[in-house]
Amino acid sequence: MWKIKRMMVWLGRIHRCRGFGVQSPWAYRLVRNVINERYPYYAYAPLAVAHPHADAVTRKLCELCLRLANYVQPRRTVCVGARDAAFEAYVKAGCKRTDWQDMTCEQDMGMAAGVDFALLFPSPLASAGLKAMADGAEDGSMAVLIGIHENNDMKFLWRECRRSVKDVVLFDLYYCGLVCFDRKRYKQEYVINF
């Protein structure tokens, strides 16, 4: 059944393939060379063997996180809401020098300021994590919101992000949303077929 749903999502976004409709050169390069990159990266095969439990969508999201970590090269990575060893391994394969931190309670959210890369899973802490990151975000920082069309809390968080967070470029990939912080760019949202 989930294969039919994935096919329907893909067909509904087919006119957004390969960067069509993206006018910004920076955003176009990000879509073509990072988000929709189809060539296998150096770490895909060993990580697939190390984490065989991941389904197709989870593996696709993990591989995206590897490419994004390789692109951003974050000093600090924060994971809010879930403890998944696969995501941690993929991010660390993309940037070996990143310092991985799990945020598990409200008191930890103060440490999210100044983070370069964040993974926000569906949880009550996701909103506080994004707010803390947005308050101290540097240009080039990125947050990945997992499940923006599947979970009601994440749907609400994505709407709030679209409405109130300033100095960001948003990418709606259906399975996740990317929030790219950059004060030099106008706020914009792209819908991408991922």
N, C-alpha and C. Protein backbone atom coordinates (compact mmCIF):
# COMPACT_ATOMS: atom_id res chain seq x y z
N MET A 1 0.81 -1.19 0.00
CA MET A 1 0.00 0.00 0.00
C MET A 1 0.86 1.27 0.00
N TRP A 2 1.98 1.23 0.77
CA TRP A 2 2.83 2.42 0.84
C TRP A 2 3.51 2.69 -0.49
N LYS A 3 3.71 1.65 -1.32
CA LYS A 3 4.30 1.87 -2.65
C LYS A 3 3.34 2.67 -3.53
N ILE A 4 2.05 2.40 -3.39
CA ILE A 4 1.06 3.15 -4.16
C ILE A 4 1.05 4.60 -3.70
N LYS A 5 1.13 4.81 -2.39
CA LYS A 5 1.16 6.18 -1.87
C LYS A 5 2.40 6.92 -2.37
N ARG A 6 3.56 6.27 -2.32
CA ARG A 6 4.79 6.90 -2.80
C ARG A 6 4.68 7.25 -4.27
N MET A 7 4.08 6.38 -5.07
CA MET A 7 3.92 6.65 -6.49
C MET A 7 2.98 7.82 -6.72
N MET A 8 1.91 7.91 -5.93
CA MET A 8 0.97 9.02 -6.08
C MET A 8 1.63 10.36 -5.71
N VAL A 9 2.43 10.35 -4.65
CA VAL A 9 3.16 11.56 -4.27
C VAL A 9 4.11 11.96 -5.38
N TRP A 10 4.84 11.00 -5.91
CA TRP A 10 5.81 11.28 -6.97
C TRP A 10 5.10 11.83 -8.21
N LEU A 11 3.98 11.21 -8.60
CA LEU A 11 3.25 11.69 -9.78
C LEU A 11 2.64 13.08 -9.56
N GLY A 12 2.20 13.35 -8.34
CA GLY A 12 1.64 14.66 -8.04
C GLY A 12 2.68 15.78 -8.08
N ARG A 13 3.95 15.42 -7.92
CA ARG A 13 5.02 16.42 -7.93
C ARG A 13 5.93 16.28 -9.14
N ILE A 14 5.50 15.58 -10.15
CA ILE A 14 6.37 15.30 -11.30
C ILE A 14 6.82 16.57 -12.01
N HIS A 15 6.00 17.60 -11.98
CA HIS A 15 6.40 18.85 -12.63
C HIS A 15 7.43 19.62 -11.81
N ARG A 16 7.84 19.08 -10.67
CA ARG A 16 8.86 19.71 -9.82
C ARG A 16 10.16 18.91 -9.81
N CYS A 17 10.36 18.06 -10.82
CA CYS A 17 11.56 17.23 -10.89
C CYS A 17 12.78 18.04 -11.32
N ARG A 18 13.93 17.60 -10.84
CA ARG A 18 15.22 18.06 -11.34
C ARG A 18 15.40 19.57 -11.32
N GLY A 19 14.73 20.26 -10.41
CA GLY A 19 14.94 21.69 -10.25
C GLY A 19 14.07 22.57 -11.12
N PHE A 20 13.06 22.00 -11.79
CA PHE A 20 12.17 22.83 -12.60
C PHE A 20 11.43 23.81 -11.71
N GLY A 21 11.39 25.06 -12.10
CA GLY A 21 10.70 26.09 -11.35
C GLY A 21 11.55 26.77 -10.31
N VAL A 22 12.79 26.37 -10.14
CA VAL A 22 13.69 26.98 -9.17
C VAL A 22 14.51 28.04 -9.90
N GLN A 23 14.34 29.30 -9.52
CA GLN A 23 14.99 30.40 -10.24
C GLN A 23 16.34 30.78 -9.65
N SER A 24 16.53 30.60 -8.38
CA SER A 24 17.77 30.98 -7.73
C SER A 24 18.89 30.01 -8.11
N PRO A 25 20.05 30.53 -8.57
CA PRO A 25 21.16 29.62 -8.91
C PRO A 25 21.64 28.80 -7.71
N TRP A 26 21.68 29.42 -6.52
CA TRP A 26 22.10 28.69 -5.32
C TRP A 26 21.13 27.55 -5.02
N ALA A 27 19.84 27.83 -5.06
CA ALA A 27 18.83 26.81 -4.75
C ALA A 27 18.83 25.73 -5.83
N TYR A 28 19.02 26.12 -7.08
CA TYR A 28 19.05 25.14 -8.17
C TYR A 28 20.22 24.17 -7.99
N ARG A 29 21.40 24.71 -7.64
CA ARG A 29 22.56 23.84 -7.41
C ARG A 29 22.31 22.90 -6.23
N LEU A 30 21.67 23.41 -5.17
CA LEU A 30 21.37 22.56 -4.01
C LEU A 30 20.41 21.44 -4.41
N VAL A 31 19.39 21.76 -5.19
CA VAL A 31 18.42 20.75 -5.62
C VAL A 31 19.09 19.72 -6.53
N ARG A 32 19.84 20.18 -7.51
CA ARG A 32 20.43 19.26 -8.48
C ARG A 32 21.59 18.44 -7.92
N ASN A 33 22.47 19.10 -7.16
CA ASN A 33 23.71 18.45 -6.75
C ASN A 33 23.68 17.81 -5.37
N VAL A 34 22.65 18.12 -4.57
CA VAL A 34 22.59 17.55 -3.22
C VAL A 34 21.28 16.80 -3.01
N ILE A 35 20.16 17.49 -3.13
CA ILE A 35 18.88 16.87 -2.81
C ILE A 35 18.55 15.73 -3.79
N ASN A 36 18.64 15.98 -5.08
CA ASN A 36 18.27 14.97 -6.08
C ASN A 36 19.48 14.29 -6.71
N GLU A 37 20.58 14.24 -6.02
CA GLU A 37 21.77 13.55 -6.51
C GLU A 37 21.48 12.06 -6.61
N ARG A 38 21.74 11.46 -7.76
CA ARG A 38 21.43 10.04 -7.97
C ARG A 38 22.65 9.12 -7.97
N TYR A 39 23.84 9.70 -8.06
CA TYR A 39 25.03 8.85 -8.06
C TYR A 39 25.27 8.32 -6.65
N PRO A 40 25.72 7.08 -6.55
CA PRO A 40 25.96 6.51 -5.21
C PRO A 40 27.18 7.15 -4.54
N TYR A 41 27.00 7.53 -3.31
CA TYR A 41 28.11 8.09 -2.54
C TYR A 41 28.97 6.96 -2.01
N TYR A 42 30.15 7.28 -1.56
CA TYR A 42 31.14 6.33 -1.08
C TYR A 42 30.65 5.48 0.09
N ALA A 43 29.75 5.98 0.89
CA ALA A 43 29.38 5.29 2.13
C ALA A 43 28.03 4.59 2.05
N TYR A 44 27.31 4.67 0.94
CA TYR A 44 25.98 4.07 0.88
C TYR A 44 25.99 2.57 1.13
N ALA A 45 26.84 1.84 0.43
CA ALA A 45 26.85 0.38 0.54
C ALA A 45 27.23 -0.10 1.95
N PRO A 46 28.32 0.39 2.54
CA PRO A 46 28.65 -0.08 3.90
C PRO A 46 27.58 0.29 4.93
N LEU A 47 26.96 1.46 4.79
CA LEU A 47 25.93 1.86 5.74
C LEU A 47 24.64 1.05 5.55
N ALA A 48 24.33 0.68 4.32
CA ALA A 48 23.15 -0.16 4.08
C ALA A 48 23.33 -1.54 4.71
N VAL A 49 24.55 -2.06 4.67
CA VAL A 49 24.84 -3.35 5.31
C VAL A 49 24.79 -3.21 6.84
N ALA A 50 25.29 -2.09 7.36
CA ALA A 50 25.33 -1.88 8.81
C ALA A 50 23.95 -1.62 9.39
N HIS A 51 23.02 -1.10 8.58
CA HIS A 51 21.67 -0.77 9.05
C HIS A 51 20.62 -1.38 8.13
N PRO A 52 20.46 -2.70 8.17
CA PRO A 52 19.53 -3.36 7.26
C PRO A 52 18.06 -3.18 7.64
N HIS A 53 17.78 -2.69 8.85
CA HIS A 53 16.40 -2.56 9.32
C HIS A 53 15.64 -1.39 8.66
N ALA A 54 16.34 -0.48 8.03
CA ALA A 54 15.71 0.73 7.49
C ALA A 54 14.86 0.40 6.26
N ASP A 55 13.63 0.93 6.25
CA ASP A 55 12.77 0.75 5.07
C ASP A 55 13.22 1.71 3.96
N ALA A 56 12.54 1.68 2.82
CA ALA A 56 12.97 2.46 1.65
C ALA A 56 12.94 3.97 1.92
N VAL A 57 11.90 4.46 2.57
CA VAL A 57 11.79 5.89 2.83
C VAL A 57 12.84 6.33 3.85
N THR A 58 13.03 5.54 4.90
CA THR A 58 14.04 5.87 5.91
C THR A 58 15.42 5.88 5.29
N ARG A 59 15.72 4.90 4.46
CA ARG A 59 17.03 4.86 3.80
C ARG A 59 17.21 6.07 2.89
N LYS A 60 16.16 6.45 2.18
CA LYS A 60 16.22 7.63 1.31
C LYS A 60 16.49 8.89 2.13
N LEU A 61 15.83 9.02 3.29
CA LEU A 61 16.06 10.17 4.16
C LEU A 61 17.46 10.14 4.77
N CYS A 62 17.93 8.96 5.15
CA CYS A 62 19.28 8.84 5.69
C CYS A 62 20.33 9.25 4.66
N GLU A 63 20.14 8.80 3.42
CA GLU A 63 21.08 9.16 2.36
C GLU A 63 21.04 10.66 2.08
N LEU A 64 19.85 11.26 2.15
CA LEU A 64 19.74 12.71 2.01
C LEU A 64 20.51 13.41 3.13
N CYS A 65 20.37 12.92 4.36
CA CYS A 65 21.10 13.52 5.48
C CYS A 65 22.61 13.40 5.30
N LEU A 66 23.07 12.29 4.74
CA LEU A 66 24.50 12.15 4.45
C LEU A 66 24.94 13.22 3.46
N ARG A 67 24.18 13.39 2.37
CA ARG A 67 24.54 14.39 1.36
C ARG A 67 24.49 15.80 1.93
N LEU A 68 23.46 16.09 2.76
CA LEU A 68 23.36 17.41 3.36
C LEU A 68 24.51 17.67 4.34
N ALA A 69 24.87 16.68 5.14
CA ALA A 69 26.00 16.84 6.05
C ALA A 69 27.29 17.04 5.28
N ASN A 70 27.43 16.36 4.16
CA ASN A 70 28.60 16.54 3.31
C ASN A 70 28.63 17.95 2.73
N TYR A 71 27.46 18.49 2.42
CA TYR A 71 27.35 19.84 1.85
C TYR A 71 27.59 20.92 2.91
N VAL A 72 26.97 20.78 4.08
CA VAL A 72 27.04 21.80 5.12
C VAL A 72 28.36 21.72 5.90
N GLN A 73 28.89 20.52 6.10
CA GLN A 73 30.07 20.26 6.93
C GLN A 73 29.89 20.88 8.32
N PRO A 74 28.88 20.43 9.07
CA PRO A 74 28.57 21.06 10.37
C PRO A 74 29.58 20.73 11.46
N ARG A 75 29.82 21.71 12.31
CA ARG A 75 30.63 21.47 13.51
C ARG A 75 29.81 20.74 14.56
N ARG A 76 28.53 21.16 14.70
CA ARG A 76 27.63 20.55 15.68
C ARG A 76 26.35 20.12 15.00
N THR A 77 25.93 18.90 15.29
CA THR A 77 24.67 18.37 14.79
C THR A 77 23.81 17.99 15.99
N VAL A 78 22.54 18.38 15.91
CA VAL A 78 21.60 18.10 16.99
C VAL A 78 20.48 17.24 16.44
N CYS A 79 20.09 16.24 17.21
CA CYS A 79 18.96 15.39 16.86
C CYS A 79 17.91 15.56 17.96
N VAL A 80 16.70 15.99 17.56
CA VAL A 80 15.64 16.25 18.52
C VAL A 80 14.48 15.29 18.26
N GLY A 81 14.08 14.55 19.27
CA GLY A 81 12.85 13.78 19.19
C GLY A 81 12.99 12.31 18.96
N ALA A 82 14.08 11.81 18.46
CA ALA A 82 14.22 10.37 18.21
C ALA A 82 15.68 9.98 18.31
N ARG A 83 15.90 8.78 18.71
CA ARG A 83 17.27 8.26 18.78
C ARG A 83 17.36 7.15 17.75
N ASP A 84 17.90 7.48 16.59
CA ASP A 84 18.02 6.50 15.52
C ASP A 84 19.49 6.41 15.12
N ALA A 85 20.07 5.25 15.36
CA ALA A 85 21.49 5.06 15.07
C ALA A 85 21.79 5.18 13.58
N ALA A 86 20.83 4.85 12.72
CA ALA A 86 21.05 4.94 11.28
C ALA A 86 21.27 6.39 10.86
N PHE A 87 20.44 7.30 11.32
CA PHE A 87 20.61 8.71 10.96
C PHE A 87 21.95 9.24 11.48
N GLU A 88 22.31 8.86 12.69
CA GLU A 88 23.59 9.31 13.24
C GLU A 88 24.76 8.80 12.41
N ALA A 89 24.72 7.53 12.02
CA ALA A 89 25.80 6.95 11.23
C ALA A 89 25.90 7.62 9.86
N TYR A 90 24.76 7.88 9.22
CA TYR A 90 24.78 8.51 7.91
C TYR A 90 25.30 9.94 7.98
N VAL A 91 24.88 10.70 8.99
CA VAL A 91 25.35 12.08 9.13
C VAL A 91 26.85 12.10 9.42
N LYS A 92 27.31 11.21 10.29
CA LYS A 92 28.74 11.16 10.60
C LYS A 92 29.57 10.68 9.41
N ALA A 93 28.97 9.89 8.53
CA ALA A 93 29.68 9.50 7.31
C ALA A 93 29.81 10.68 6.36
N GLY A 94 28.83 11.59 6.39
CA GLY A 94 28.89 12.77 5.54
C GLY A 94 29.85 13.82 6.07
N CYS A 95 30.00 13.90 7.38
CA CYS A 95 30.93 14.84 8.00
C CYS A 95 31.51 14.18 9.24
N LYS A 96 32.71 13.68 9.12
CA LYS A 96 33.32 12.90 10.21
C LYS A 96 33.65 13.75 11.43
N ARG A 97 33.83 15.05 11.26
CA ARG A 97 34.25 15.90 12.39
C ARG A 97 33.07 16.48 13.18
N THR A 98 31.83 16.18 12.78
CA THR A 98 30.68 16.75 13.46
C THR A 98 30.52 16.19 14.87
N ASP A 99 30.08 17.03 15.76
CA ASP A 99 29.80 16.65 17.14
C ASP A 99 28.31 16.38 17.25
N TRP A 100 27.91 15.13 17.42
CA TRP A 100 26.50 14.71 17.45
C TRP A 100 25.96 14.82 18.87
N GLN A 101 24.79 15.47 19.02
CA GLN A 101 24.16 15.59 20.33
C GLN A 101 22.68 15.25 20.20
N ASP A 102 22.18 14.46 21.15
CA ASP A 102 20.75 14.16 21.21
C ASP A 102 20.11 15.09 22.23
N MET A 103 19.04 15.75 21.83
CA MET A 103 18.28 16.61 22.74
C MET A 103 17.06 15.83 23.20
N THR A 104 16.99 15.54 24.49
CA THR A 104 15.92 14.68 24.99
C THR A 104 14.96 15.37 25.95
N CYS A 105 15.31 16.56 26.40
CA CYS A 105 14.41 17.25 27.33
C CYS A 105 14.44 18.76 27.05
N GLU A 106 13.48 19.44 27.64
CA GLU A 106 13.32 20.89 27.41
C GLU A 106 14.55 21.67 27.86
N GLN A 107 15.24 21.22 28.90
CA GLN A 107 16.42 21.93 29.39
C GLN A 107 17.57 21.89 28.39
N ASP A 108 17.63 20.86 27.55
CA ASP A 108 18.69 20.74 26.56
C ASP A 108 18.55 21.73 25.42
N MET A 109 17.37 22.30 25.22
CA MET A 109 17.10 23.13 24.04
C MET A 109 17.97 24.38 24.00
N GLY A 110 18.45 24.84 25.13
CA GLY A 110 19.33 26.00 25.14
C GLY A 110 20.63 25.75 24.40
N MET A 111 21.05 24.48 24.32
CA MET A 111 22.28 24.14 23.62
C MET A 111 22.09 24.10 22.11
N ALA A 112 20.86 24.22 21.62
CA ALA A 112 20.61 24.18 20.18
C ALA A 112 21.02 25.46 19.48
N ALA A 113 21.23 26.53 20.22
CA ALA A 113 21.67 27.78 19.61
C ALA A 113 23.09 27.60 19.09
N GLY A 114 23.34 28.09 17.91
CA GLY A 114 24.66 27.97 17.30
C GLY A 114 24.93 26.64 16.65
N VAL A 115 23.90 25.84 16.44
CA VAL A 115 24.05 24.54 15.79
C VAL A 115 24.03 24.73 14.28
N ASP A 116 24.88 23.99 13.57
CA ASP A 116 24.96 24.09 12.12
C ASP A 116 23.93 23.23 11.41
N PHE A 117 23.59 22.09 12.01
CA PHE A 117 22.74 21.11 11.34
C PHE A 117 21.86 20.45 12.40
N ALA A 118 20.56 20.36 12.12
CA ALA A 118 19.63 19.77 13.08
C ALA A 118 18.68 18.81 12.39
N LEU A 119 18.40 17.70 13.04
CA LEU A 119 17.38 16.76 12.60
C LEU A 119 16.25 16.82 13.62
N LEU A 120 15.05 17.17 13.15
CA LEU A 120 13.91 17.31 14.04
C LEU A 120 12.87 16.26 13.69
N PHE A 121 12.70 15.29 14.57
CA PHE A 121 11.73 14.23 14.37
C PHE A 121 10.42 14.61 15.05
N PRO A 122 9.31 13.97 14.67
CA PRO A 122 8.04 14.28 15.33
C PRO A 122 8.10 14.03 16.82
N SER A 123 7.98 15.10 17.58
CA SER A 123 7.97 15.03 19.04
C SER A 123 7.52 16.38 19.59
N PRO A 124 7.13 16.42 20.86
CA PRO A 124 6.76 17.71 21.45
C PRO A 124 7.93 18.68 21.54
N LEU A 125 9.17 18.19 21.48
CA LEU A 125 10.35 19.04 21.59
C LEU A 125 10.77 19.67 20.26
N ALA A 126 10.20 19.22 19.15
CA ALA A 126 10.64 19.70 17.84
C ALA A 126 10.46 21.20 17.69
N SER A 127 9.35 21.73 18.14
CA SER A 127 9.09 23.16 18.02
C SER A 127 10.10 23.98 18.82
N ALA A 128 10.37 23.56 20.04
CA ALA A 128 11.34 24.27 20.87
C ALA A 128 12.74 24.17 20.29
N GLY A 129 13.07 23.03 19.71
CA GLY A 129 14.39 22.85 19.08
C GLY A 129 14.58 23.76 17.89
N LEU A 130 13.54 23.87 17.05
CA LEU A 130 13.64 24.75 15.88
C LEU A 130 13.72 26.21 16.30
N LYS A 131 12.95 26.59 17.31
CA LYS A 131 12.98 27.98 17.79
C LYS A 131 14.35 28.33 18.35
N ALA A 132 14.92 27.42 19.14
CA ALA A 132 16.25 27.67 19.71
C ALA A 132 17.30 27.76 18.62
N MET A 133 17.19 26.92 17.61
CA MET A 133 18.15 26.97 16.52
C MET A 133 17.99 28.26 15.71
N ALA A 134 16.74 28.65 15.43
CA ALA A 134 16.48 29.84 14.63
C ALA A 134 16.98 31.10 15.32
N ASP A 135 16.92 31.13 16.65
CA ASP A 135 17.36 32.32 17.39
C ASP A 135 18.86 32.57 17.23
N GLY A 136 19.65 31.52 17.14
CA GLY A 136 21.10 31.70 17.04
C GLY A 136 21.71 31.15 15.78
N ALA A 137 20.90 30.98 14.73
CA ALA A 137 21.40 30.34 13.51
C ALA A 137 22.34 31.25 12.74
N GLU A 138 23.41 30.67 12.27
CA GLU A 138 24.35 31.38 11.40
C GLU A 138 23.97 31.10 9.95
N ASP A 139 24.47 31.94 9.05
CA ASP A 139 24.23 31.69 7.63
C ASP A 139 24.82 30.34 7.24
N GLY A 140 24.06 29.57 6.50
CA GLY A 140 24.51 28.25 6.08
C GLY A 140 24.02 27.12 6.97
N SER A 141 23.41 27.45 8.10
CA SER A 141 22.86 26.41 8.98
C SER A 141 21.63 25.80 8.33
N MET A 142 21.35 24.57 8.68
CA MET A 142 20.24 23.86 8.05
C MET A 142 19.54 22.96 9.07
N ALA A 143 18.21 22.91 8.97
CA ALA A 143 17.41 22.01 9.80
C ALA A 143 16.58 21.13 8.89
N VAL A 144 16.47 19.86 9.25
CA VAL A 144 15.68 18.89 8.50
C VAL A 144 14.51 18.48 9.39
N LEU A 145 13.29 18.77 8.96
CA LEU A 145 12.08 18.41 9.70
C LEU A 145 11.51 17.14 9.08
N ILE A 146 11.54 16.06 9.80
CA ILE A 146 11.11 14.76 9.29
C ILE A 146 9.60 14.60 9.46
N GLY A 147 8.91 14.17 8.40
CA GLY A 147 7.49 13.85 8.47
C GLY A 147 6.56 15.05 8.46
N ILE A 148 6.84 16.05 7.63
CA ILE A 148 6.04 17.29 7.65
C ILE A 148 4.65 17.12 7.06
N HIS A 149 4.37 16.02 6.38
CA HIS A 149 3.04 15.79 5.84
C HIS A 149 2.37 14.56 6.45
N GLU A 150 3.00 13.94 7.45
CA GLU A 150 2.47 12.71 8.02
C GLU A 150 2.02 12.87 9.47
N ASN A 151 2.63 13.76 10.18
CA ASN A 151 2.37 13.94 11.60
C ASN A 151 1.74 15.31 11.82
N ASN A 152 0.67 15.39 12.62
CA ASN A 152 -0.03 16.66 12.83
C ASN A 152 0.86 17.71 13.49
N ASP A 153 1.68 17.31 14.45
CA ASP A 153 2.57 18.27 15.10
C ASP A 153 3.58 18.83 14.10
N MET A 154 4.09 17.97 13.23
CA MET A 154 5.07 18.44 12.24
C MET A 154 4.40 19.27 11.15
N LYS A 155 3.16 18.95 10.80
CA LYS A 155 2.42 19.79 9.85
C LYS A 155 2.28 21.20 10.41
N PHE A 156 1.91 21.29 11.69
CA PHE A 156 1.75 22.59 12.33
C PHE A 156 3.09 23.32 12.39
N LEU A 157 4.16 22.61 12.74
CA LEU A 157 5.49 23.22 12.82
C LEU A 157 5.93 23.72 11.45
N TRP A 158 5.66 22.97 10.39
CA TRP A 158 6.03 23.39 9.04
C TRP A 158 5.24 24.65 8.65
N ARG A 159 3.94 24.70 8.97
CA ARG A 159 3.15 25.91 8.68
C ARG A 159 3.69 27.11 9.44
N GLU A 160 4.05 26.91 10.70
CA GLU A 160 4.63 28.00 11.48
C GLU A 160 5.96 28.46 10.89
N CYS A 161 6.74 27.52 10.43
CA CYS A 161 8.02 27.84 9.82
C CYS A 161 7.81 28.68 8.56
N ARG A 162 6.82 28.29 7.76
CA ARG A 162 6.52 29.03 6.54
C ARG A 162 6.01 30.43 6.85
N ARG A 163 5.31 30.58 7.95
CA ARG A 163 4.68 31.85 8.27
C ARG A 163 5.59 32.79 9.05
N SER A 164 6.32 32.30 10.04
CA SER A 164 6.94 33.22 10.98
C SER A 164 8.47 33.23 11.01
N VAL A 165 9.14 32.18 10.59
CA VAL A 165 10.60 32.17 10.65
C VAL A 165 11.13 33.04 9.51
N LYS A 166 12.05 33.96 9.85
CA LYS A 166 12.58 34.90 8.86
C LYS A 166 13.94 34.45 8.36
N ASP A 167 14.35 35.00 7.23
CA ASP A 167 15.68 34.77 6.64
C ASP A 167 15.94 33.28 6.38
N VAL A 168 14.96 32.62 5.77
CA VAL A 168 15.13 31.20 5.46
C VAL A 168 14.70 30.91 4.03
N VAL A 169 15.25 29.85 3.49
CA VAL A 169 14.77 29.27 2.24
C VAL A 169 14.28 27.89 2.60
N LEU A 170 13.03 27.59 2.23
CA LEU A 170 12.39 26.33 2.61
C LEU A 170 12.27 25.42 1.40
N PHE A 171 12.50 24.14 1.62
CA PHE A 171 12.34 23.12 0.59
C PHE A 171 11.38 22.06 1.12
N ASP A 172 10.23 21.91 0.48
CA ASP A 172 9.24 20.90 0.85
C ASP A 172 9.51 19.67 0.00
N LEU A 173 10.03 18.61 0.62
CA LEU A 173 10.35 17.37 -0.09
C LEU A 173 9.32 16.27 0.19
N TYR A 174 8.21 16.62 0.76
CA TYR A 174 7.09 15.78 1.17
C TYR A 174 7.45 14.92 2.38
N TYR A 175 8.47 14.11 2.31
CA TYR A 175 8.84 13.26 3.44
C TYR A 175 9.55 14.06 4.53
N CYS A 176 10.12 15.17 4.14
CA CYS A 176 10.80 16.04 5.09
C CYS A 176 10.81 17.46 4.54
N GLY A 177 11.13 18.39 5.39
CA GLY A 177 11.27 19.77 4.98
C GLY A 177 12.65 20.27 5.36
N LEU A 178 13.27 21.03 4.47
CA LEU A 178 14.57 21.62 4.75
C LEU A 178 14.40 23.09 5.04
N VAL A 179 15.02 23.55 6.09
CA VAL A 179 15.02 24.96 6.46
C VAL A 179 16.47 25.43 6.38
N CYS A 180 16.77 26.27 5.41
CA CYS A 180 18.12 26.78 5.20
C CYS A 180 18.17 28.23 5.69
N PHE A 181 18.97 28.49 6.70
CA PHE A 181 19.07 29.82 7.28
C PHE A 181 20.12 30.63 6.53
N ASP A 182 19.72 31.81 6.06
CA ASP A 182 20.65 32.68 5.34
C ASP A 182 20.06 34.08 5.30
N ARG A 183 20.73 35.04 5.94
CA ARG A 183 20.22 36.40 5.99
C ARG A 183 20.37 37.14 4.66
N LYS A 184 21.17 36.63 3.75
CA LYS A 184 21.36 37.30 2.46
C LYS A 184 20.24 36.99 1.47
N ARG A 185 19.42 36.01 1.75
CA ARG A 185 18.41 35.58 0.80
C ARG A 185 17.01 35.99 1.26
N TYR A 186 16.15 36.20 0.27
CA TYR A 186 14.75 36.47 0.57
C TYR A 186 14.08 35.17 0.98
N LYS A 187 13.10 35.29 1.84
CA LYS A 187 12.35 34.10 2.26
C LYS A 187 11.62 33.53 1.05
N GLN A 188 11.80 32.25 0.84
CA GLN A 188 11.21 31.59 -0.31
C GLN A 188 10.95 30.13 0.02
N GLU A 189 9.97 29.56 -0.65
CA GLU A 189 9.67 28.14 -0.45
C GLU A 189 9.60 27.44 -1.80
N TYR A 190 10.23 26.30 -1.88
CA TYR A 190 10.23 25.48 -3.09
C TYR A 190 9.61 24.13 -2.76
N VAL A 191 8.78 23.64 -3.66
CA VAL A 191 8.24 22.29 -3.56
C VAL A 191 9.04 21.44 -4.54
N ILE A 192 9.67 20.39 -4.03
CA ILE A 192 10.58 19.57 -4.83
C ILE A 192 10.08 18.14 -4.87
N ASN A 193 10.17 17.52 -6.03
CA ASN A 193 9.85 16.10 -6.16
C ASN A 193 11.09 15.33 -5.76
N PHE A 194 11.03 14.70 -4.60
CA PHE A 194 12.20 14.01 -4.02
C PHE A 194 11.95 12.52 -4.06
